Amino acid sequence: MTYTYNATITFDGNYYYADFEDFNGQLFTDAQSRAELQERMKSVLQLMLEQYSEDNKQFPKATANGYAVTVTL
């Protein structure tokens, strides 16, 4: 199954930050380059969804706007 969530990306001059707002502040990552951030966003999203699945938790509804990140479980 394929899932897509949006992340808000910010840059402070040194680091890029990504926050998946649909996870209420529980899912975020950072990186020094945008390419590294894209890899990390996919990784943390996949890990979070796998944990939700293992815990039989309902996935949050994808509602936030931003940079789309898609993973397949």
PDB file of N, CA and C in Angstrom:
ATOM      1  N   MET A   1       0.841  -1.166   0.000  1.00  0.00           N
ATOM      2  CA  MET A   1       0.000   0.000   0.000  1.00  0.00           C
ATOM      3  C   MET A   1       0.896   1.242   0.000  1.00  0.00           C
ATOM      4  N   THR A   2       0.482   2.266  -0.706  1.00  0.00           N
ATOM      5  CA  THR A   2       1.247   3.511  -0.828  1.00  0.00           C
ATOM      6  C   THR A   2       0.560   4.615  -0.029  1.00  0.00           C
ATOM      7  N   TYR A   3       1.363   5.379   0.704  1.00  0.00           N
ATOM      8  CA  TYR A   3       0.860   6.473   1.532  1.00  0.00           C
ATOM      9  C   TYR A   3       1.620   7.744   1.208  1.00  0.00           C
ATOM     10  N   THR A   4       0.900   8.863   1.179  1.00  0.00           N
ATOM     11  CA  THR A   4       1.517  10.157   0.922  1.00  0.00           C
ATOM     12  C   THR A   4       1.113  11.137   2.018  1.00  0.00           C
ATOM     13  N   TYR A   5       2.108  11.760   2.627  1.00  0.00           N
ATOM     14  CA  TYR A   5       1.893  12.809   3.618  1.00  0.00           C
ATOM     15  C   TYR A   5       2.730  14.014   3.212  1.00  0.00           C
ATOM     16  N   ASN A   6       2.304  15.176   3.646  1.00  0.00           N
ATOM     17  CA  ASN A   6       3.006  16.410   3.306  1.00  0.00           C
ATOM     18  C   ASN A   6       3.819  16.907   4.486  1.00  0.00           C
ATOM     19  N   ALA A   7       4.994  17.426   4.170  1.00  0.00           N
ATOM     20  CA  ALA A   7       5.877  17.988   5.186  1.00  0.00           C
ATOM     21  C   ALA A   7       6.098  19.471   4.901  1.00  0.00           C
ATOM     22  N   THR A   8       6.158  20.243   5.951  1.00  0.00           N
ATOM     23  CA  THR A   8       6.523  21.648   5.854  1.00  0.00           C
ATOM     24  C   THR A   8       8.034  21.733   5.998  1.00  0.00           C
ATOM     25  N   ILE A   9       8.686  22.367   5.031  1.00  0.00           N
ATOM     26  CA  ILE A   9      10.144  22.472   5.038  1.00  0.00           C
ATOM     27  C   ILE A   9      10.550  23.910   5.318  1.00  0.00           C
ATOM     28  N   THR A  10      11.502  24.061   6.227  1.00  0.00           N
ATOM     29  CA  THR A  10      12.073  25.382   6.519  1.00  0.00           C
ATOM     30  C   THR A  10      13.590  25.278   6.458  1.00  0.00           C
ATOM     31  N   PHE A  11      14.242  26.414   6.283  1.00  0.00           N
ATOM     32  CA  PHE A  11      15.698  26.474   6.223  1.00  0.00           C
ATOM     33  C   PHE A  11      16.147  27.661   7.052  1.00  0.00           C
ATOM     34  N   ASP A  12      17.090  27.436   7.971  1.00  0.00           N
ATOM     35  CA  ASP A  12      17.540  28.514   8.850  1.00  0.00           C
ATOM     36  C   ASP A  12      18.896  29.102   8.447  1.00  0.00           C
ATOM     37  N   GLY A  13      19.355  28.745   7.242  1.00  0.00           N
ATOM     38  CA  GLY A  13      20.654  29.210   6.795  1.00  0.00           C
ATOM     39  C   GLY A  13      21.735  28.160   6.956  1.00  0.00           C
ATOM     40  N   ASN A  14      21.508  27.200   7.826  1.00  0.00           N
ATOM     41  CA  ASN A  14      22.454  26.108   8.053  1.00  0.00           C
ATOM     42  C   ASN A  14      21.819  24.731   7.840  1.00  0.00           C
ATOM     43  N   TYR A  15      20.606  24.558   8.329  1.00  0.00           N
ATOM     44  CA  TYR A  15      19.917  23.270   8.273  1.00  0.00           C
ATOM     45  C   TYR A  15      18.533  23.410   7.648  1.00  0.00           C
ATOM     46  N   TYR A  16      18.124  22.317   6.994  1.00  0.00           N
ATOM     47  CA  TYR A  16      16.757  22.180   6.520  1.00  0.00           C
ATOM     48  C   TYR A  16      15.985  21.381   7.563  1.00  0.00           C
ATOM     49  N   TYR A  17      14.755  21.777   7.802  1.00  0.00           N
ATOM     50  CA  TYR A  17      13.898  21.092   8.760  1.00  0.00           C
ATOM     51  C   TYR A  17      12.604  20.681   8.065  1.00  0.00           C
ATOM     52  N   ALA A  18      12.108  19.497   8.397  1.00  0.00           N
ATOM     53  CA  ALA A  18      10.838  19.021   7.856  1.00  0.00           C
ATOM     54  C   ALA A  18       9.945  18.580   9.009  1.00  0.00           C
ATOM     55  N   ASP A  19       8.696  19.011   8.969  1.00  0.00           N
ATOM     56  CA  ASP A  19       7.719  18.665   9.994  1.00  0.00           C
ATOM     57  C   ASP A  19       6.464  18.122   9.306  1.00  0.00           C
ATOM     58  N   PHE A  20       6.081  16.909   9.689  1.00  0.00           N
ATOM     59  CA  PHE A  20       4.856  16.313   9.175  1.00  0.00           C
ATOM     60  C   PHE A  20       3.731  16.690  10.139  1.00  0.00           C
ATOM     61  N   GLU A  21       2.994  17.733   9.823  1.00  0.00           N
ATOM     62  CA  GLU A  21       2.000  18.297  10.730  1.00  0.00           C
ATOM     63  C   GLU A  21       0.859  17.333  11.055  1.00  0.00           C
ATOM     64  N   ASP A  22       0.576  16.389  10.165  1.00  0.00           N
ATOM     65  CA  ASP A  22      -0.518  15.448  10.415  1.00  0.00           C
ATOM     66  C   ASP A  22      -0.219  14.508  11.575  1.00  0.00           C
ATOM     67  N   PHE A  23       1.025  14.475  12.019  1.00  0.00           N
ATOM     68  CA  PHE A  23       1.426  13.628  13.146  1.00  0.00           C
ATOM     69  C   PHE A  23       1.578  14.433  14.440  1.00  0.00           C
ATOM     70  N   ASN A  24       0.999  15.621  14.475  1.00  0.00           N
ATOM     71  CA  ASN A  24       0.922  16.449  15.686  1.00  0.00           C
ATOM     72  C   ASN A  24       2.260  16.636  16.395  1.00  0.00           C
ATOM     73  N   GLY A  25       3.289  16.996  15.638  1.00  0.00           N
ATOM     74  CA  GLY A  25       4.587  17.285  16.222  1.00  0.00           C
ATOM     75  C   GLY A  25       5.415  16.066  16.589  1.00  0.00           C
ATOM     76  N   GLN A  26       4.928  14.882  16.268  1.00  0.00           N
ATOM     77  CA  GLN A  26       5.650  13.658  16.610  1.00  0.00           C
ATOM     78  C   GLN A  26       6.566  13.166  15.498  1.00  0.00           C
ATOM     79  N   LEU A  27       6.493  13.794  14.314  1.00  0.00           N
ATOM     80  CA  LEU A  27       7.292  13.313  13.187  1.00  0.00           C
ATOM     81  C   LEU A  27       7.970  14.492  12.499  1.00  0.00           C
ATOM     82  N   PHE A  28       9.288  14.507  12.616  1.00  0.00           N
ATOM     83  CA  PHE A  28      10.076  15.594  12.030  1.00  0.00           C
ATOM     84  C   PHE A  28      11.494  15.097  11.833  1.00  0.00           C
ATOM     85  N   THR A  29      12.256  15.829  11.044  1.00  0.00           N
ATOM     86  CA  THR A  29      13.656  15.490  10.818  1.00  0.00           C
ATOM     87  C   THR A  29      14.387  16.733  10.347  1.00  0.00           C
ATOM     88  N   ASP A  30      15.715  16.631  10.245  1.00  0.00           N
ATOM     89  CA  ASP A  30      16.520  17.741   9.736  1.00  0.00           C
ATOM     90  C   ASP A  30      17.715  17.195   8.974  1.00  0.00           C
ATOM     91  N   ALA A  31      18.361  18.073   8.209  1.00  0.00           N
ATOM     92  CA  ALA A  31      19.530  17.681   7.421  1.00  0.00           C
ATOM     93  C   ALA A  31      20.257  18.934   6.966  1.00  0.00           C
ATOM     94  N   GLN A  32      21.519  18.742   6.557  1.00  0.00           N
ATOM     95  CA  GLN A  32      22.309  19.877   6.084  1.00  0.00           C
ATOM     96  C   GLN A  32      22.063  20.190   4.613  1.00  0.00           C
ATOM     97  N   SER A  33      21.557  19.230   3.850  1.00  0.00           N
ATOM     98  CA  SER A  33      21.258  19.494   2.439  1.00  0.00           C
ATOM     99  C   SER A  33      19.823  19.073   2.130  1.00  0.00           C
ATOM    100  N   ARG A  34      19.284  19.655   1.085  1.00  0.00           N
ATOM    101  CA  ARG A  34      17.911  19.315   0.697  1.00  0.00           C
ATOM    102  C   ARG A  34      17.824  17.860   0.231  1.00  0.00           C
ATOM    103  N   ALA A  35      18.846  17.367  -0.463  1.00  0.00           N
ATOM    104  CA  ALA A  35      18.844  15.977  -0.920  1.00  0.00           C
ATOM    105  C   ALA A  35      18.833  15.018   0.270  1.00  0.00           C
ATOM    106  N   GLU A  36      19.657  15.316   1.272  1.00  0.00           N
ATOM    107  CA  GLU A  36      19.694  14.482   2.474  1.00  0.00           C
ATOM    108  C   GLU A  36      18.354  14.551   3.212  1.00  0.00           C
ATOM    109  N   LEU A  37      17.748  15.725   3.226  1.00  0.00           N
ATOM    110  CA  LEU A  37      16.450  15.885   3.888  1.00  0.00           C
ATOM    111  C   LEU A  37      15.401  15.014   3.212  1.00  0.00           C
ATOM    112  N   GLN A  38      15.396  14.964   1.892  1.00  0.00           N
ATOM    113  CA  GLN A  38      14.420  14.139   1.171  1.00  0.00           C
ATOM    114  C   GLN A  38      14.569  12.668   1.553  1.00  0.00           C
ATOM    115  N   GLU A  39      15.784  12.191   1.663  1.00  0.00           N
ATOM    116  CA  GLU A  39      16.016  10.802   2.072  1.00  0.00           C
ATOM    117  C   GLU A  39      15.525  10.572   3.498  1.00  0.00           C
ATOM    118  N   ARG A  40      15.849  11.492   4.381  1.00  0.00           N
ATOM    119  CA  ARG A  40      15.457  11.344   5.783  1.00  0.00           C
ATOM    120  C   ARG A  40      13.942  11.427   5.959  1.00  0.00           C
ATOM    121  N   MET A  41      13.282  12.285   5.174  1.00  0.00           N
ATOM    122  CA  MET A  41      11.822  12.390   5.277  1.00  0.00           C
ATOM    123  C   MET A  41      11.174  11.056   4.935  1.00  0.00           C
ATOM    124  N   LYS A  42      11.622  10.426   3.861  1.00  0.00           N
ATOM    125  CA  LYS A  42      11.069   9.119   3.488  1.00  0.00           C
ATOM    126  C   LYS A  42      11.337   8.091   4.569  1.00  0.00           C
ATOM    127  N   SER A  43      12.542   8.107   5.110  1.00  0.00           N
ATOM    128  CA  SER A  43      12.925   7.130   6.124  1.00  0.00           C
ATOM    129  C   SER A  43      12.079   7.272   7.390  1.00  0.00           C
ATOM    130  N   VAL A  44      11.964   8.481   7.929  1.00  0.00           N
ATOM    131  CA  VAL A  44      11.215   8.655   9.177  1.00  0.00           C
ATOM    132  C   VAL A  44       9.726   8.401   8.969  1.00  0.00           C
ATOM    133  N   LEU A  45       9.203   8.772   7.791  1.00  0.00           N
ATOM    134  CA  LEU A  45       7.791   8.512   7.512  1.00  0.00           C
ATOM    135  C   LEU A  45       7.533   7.011   7.450  1.00  0.00           C
ATOM    136  N   GLN A  46       8.383   6.301   6.761  1.00  0.00           N
ATOM    137  CA  GLN A  46       8.202   4.852   6.655  1.00  0.00           C
ATOM    138  C   GLN A  46       8.295   4.193   8.034  1.00  0.00           C
ATOM    139  N   LEU A  47       9.281   4.587   8.827  1.00  0.00           N
ATOM    140  CA  LEU A  47       9.412   4.013  10.172  1.00  0.00           C
ATOM    141  C   LEU A  47       8.180   4.305  11.034  1.00  0.00           C
ATOM    142  N   MET A  48       7.659   5.510  10.955  1.00  0.00           N
ATOM    143  CA  MET A  48       6.486   5.869  11.752  1.00  0.00           C
ATOM    144  C   MET A  48       5.269   5.057  11.319  1.00  0.00           C
ATOM    145  N   LEU A  49       5.056   4.933  10.023  1.00  0.00           N
ATOM    146  CA  LEU A  49       3.902   4.173   9.545  1.00  0.00           C
ATOM    147  C   LEU A  49       4.032   2.691   9.875  1.00  0.00           C
ATOM    148  N   GLU A  50       5.240   2.164   9.811  1.00  0.00           N
ATOM    149  CA  GLU A  50       5.451   0.768  10.205  1.00  0.00           C
ATOM    150  C   GLU A  50       5.128   0.577  11.678  1.00  0.00           C
ATOM    151  N   GLN A  51       5.512   1.537  12.517  1.00  0.00           N
ATOM    152  CA  GLN A  51       5.217   1.449  13.951  1.00  0.00           C
ATOM    153  C   GLN A  51       3.713   1.539  14.190  1.00  0.00           C
ATOM    154  N   TYR A  52       3.036   2.455  13.500  1.00  0.00           N
ATOM    155  CA  TYR A  52       1.580   2.547  13.616  1.00  0.00           C
ATOM    156  C   TYR A  52       0.945   1.213  13.241  1.00  0.00           C
ATOM    157  N   SER A  53       1.418   0.607  12.170  1.00  0.00           N
ATOM    158  CA  SER A  53       0.875  -0.672  11.705  1.00  0.00           C
ATOM    159  C   SER A  53       1.097  -1.768  12.741  1.00  0.00           C
ATOM    160  N   GLU A  54       2.311  -1.864  13.275  1.00  0.00           N
ATOM    161  CA  GLU A  54       2.618  -2.871  14.292  1.00  0.00           C
ATOM    162  C   GLU A  54       1.773  -2.692  15.547  1.00  0.00           C
ATOM    163  N   ASP A  55       1.475  -1.438  15.897  1.00  0.00           N
ATOM    164  CA  ASP A  55       0.687  -1.133  17.090  1.00  0.00           C
ATOM    165  C   ASP A  55      -0.817  -1.122  16.813  1.00  0.00           C
ATOM    166  N   ASN A  56      -1.201  -1.446  15.578  1.00  0.00           N
ATOM    167  CA  ASN A  56      -2.615  -1.426  15.158  1.00  0.00           C
ATOM    168  C   ASN A  56      -3.263  -0.068  15.395  1.00  0.00           C
ATOM    169  N   LYS A  57      -2.487   0.981  15.215  1.00  0.00           N
ATOM    170  CA  LYS A  57      -3.004   2.347  15.345  1.00  0.00           C
ATOM    171  C   LYS A  57      -3.499   2.818  13.983  1.00  0.00           C
ATOM    172  N   GLN A  58      -4.551   3.596  13.995  1.00  0.00           N
ATOM    173  CA  GLN A  58      -5.076   4.167  12.762  1.00  0.00           C
ATOM    174  C   GLN A  58      -4.125   5.256  12.273  1.00  0.00           C
ATOM    175  N   PHE A  59      -3.815   5.227  10.982  1.00  0.00           N
ATOM    176  CA  PHE A  59      -2.948   6.257  10.399  1.00  0.00           C
ATOM    177  C   PHE A  59      -3.691   7.585  10.401  1.00  0.00           C
ATOM    178  N   PRO A  60      -2.983   8.683  10.655  1.00  0.00           N
ATOM    179  CA  PRO A  60      -3.642   9.988  10.592  1.00  0.00           C
ATOM    180  C   PRO A  60      -4.090  10.305   9.169  1.00  0.00           C
ATOM    181  N   LYS A  61      -5.134  11.072   9.077  1.00  0.00           N
ATOM    182  CA  LYS A  61      -5.617  11.521   7.777  1.00  0.00           C
ATOM    183  C   LYS A  61      -4.631  12.549   7.234  1.00  0.00           C
ATOM    184  N   ALA A  62      -4.251  12.403   5.980  1.00  0.00           N
ATOM    185  CA  ALA A  62      -3.312  13.349   5.350  1.00  0.00           C
ATOM    186  C   ALA A  62      -4.072  14.617   4.979  1.00  0.00           C
ATOM    187  N   THR A  63      -3.790  15.697   5.700  1.00  0.00           N
ATOM    188  CA  THR A  63      -4.512  16.944   5.471  1.00  0.00           C
ATOM    189  C   THR A  63      -3.622  18.147   5.228  1.00  0.00           C
ATOM    190  N   ALA A  64      -2.398  18.108   5.728  1.00  0.00           N
ATOM    191  CA  ALA A  64      -1.523  19.287   5.667  1.00  0.00           C
ATOM    192  C   ALA A  64      -1.050  19.554   4.240  1.00  0.00           C
ATOM    193  N   ASN A  65      -0.748  20.806   3.965  1.00  0.00           N
ATOM    194  CA  ASN A  65      -0.146  21.195   2.691  1.00  0.00           C
ATOM    195  C   ASN A  65       1.363  21.191   2.849  1.00  0.00           C
ATOM    196  N   GLY A  66       2.075  21.078   1.744  1.00  0.00           N
ATOM    197  CA  GLY A  66       3.528  21.130   1.811  1.00  0.00           C
ATOM    198  C   GLY A  66       4.156  20.228   0.779  1.00  0.00           C
ATOM    199  N   TYR A  67       5.365  19.783   1.058  1.00  0.00           N
ATOM    200  CA  TYR A  67       6.131  18.934   0.171  1.00  0.00           C
ATOM    201  C   TYR A  67       5.650  17.493   0.335  1.00  0.00           C
ATOM    202  N   ALA A  68       5.152  16.881  -0.728  1.00  0.00           N
ATOM    203  CA  ALA A  68       4.605  15.530  -0.668  1.00  0.00           C
ATOM    204  C   ALA A  68       5.713  14.497  -0.557  1.00  0.00           C
ATOM    205  N   VAL A  69       5.538  13.571   0.397  1.00  0.00           N
ATOM    206  CA  VAL A  69       6.468  12.465   0.613  1.00  0.00           C
ATOM    207  C   VAL A  69       5.655  11.182   0.539  1.00  0.00           C
ATOM    208  N   THR A  70       6.059  10.261  -0.342  1.00  0.00           N
ATOM    209  CA  THR A  70       5.327   9.020  -0.556  1.00  0.00           C
ATOM    210  C   THR A  70       6.189   7.835  -0.189  1.00  0.00           C
ATOM    211  N   VAL A  71       5.595   6.896   0.545  1.00  0.00           N
ATOM    212  CA  VAL A  71       6.278   5.655   0.899  1.00  0.00           C
ATOM    213  C   VAL A  71       5.342   4.478   0.643  1.00  0.00           C
ATOM    214  N   THR A  72       5.917   3.320   0.463  1.00  0.00           N
ATOM    215  CA  THR A  72       5.155   2.096   0.254  1.00  0.00           C
ATOM    216  C   THR A  72       5.481   1.121   1.372  1.00  0.00           C
ATOM    217  N   LEU A  73       4.444   0.587   1.986  1.00  0.00           N
ATOM    218  CA  LEU A  73       4.633  -0.407   3.045  1.00  0.00           C
ATOM    219  C   LEU A  73       4.284  -1.781   2.503  1.00  0.00           C
TER     220      LEU A  73
END
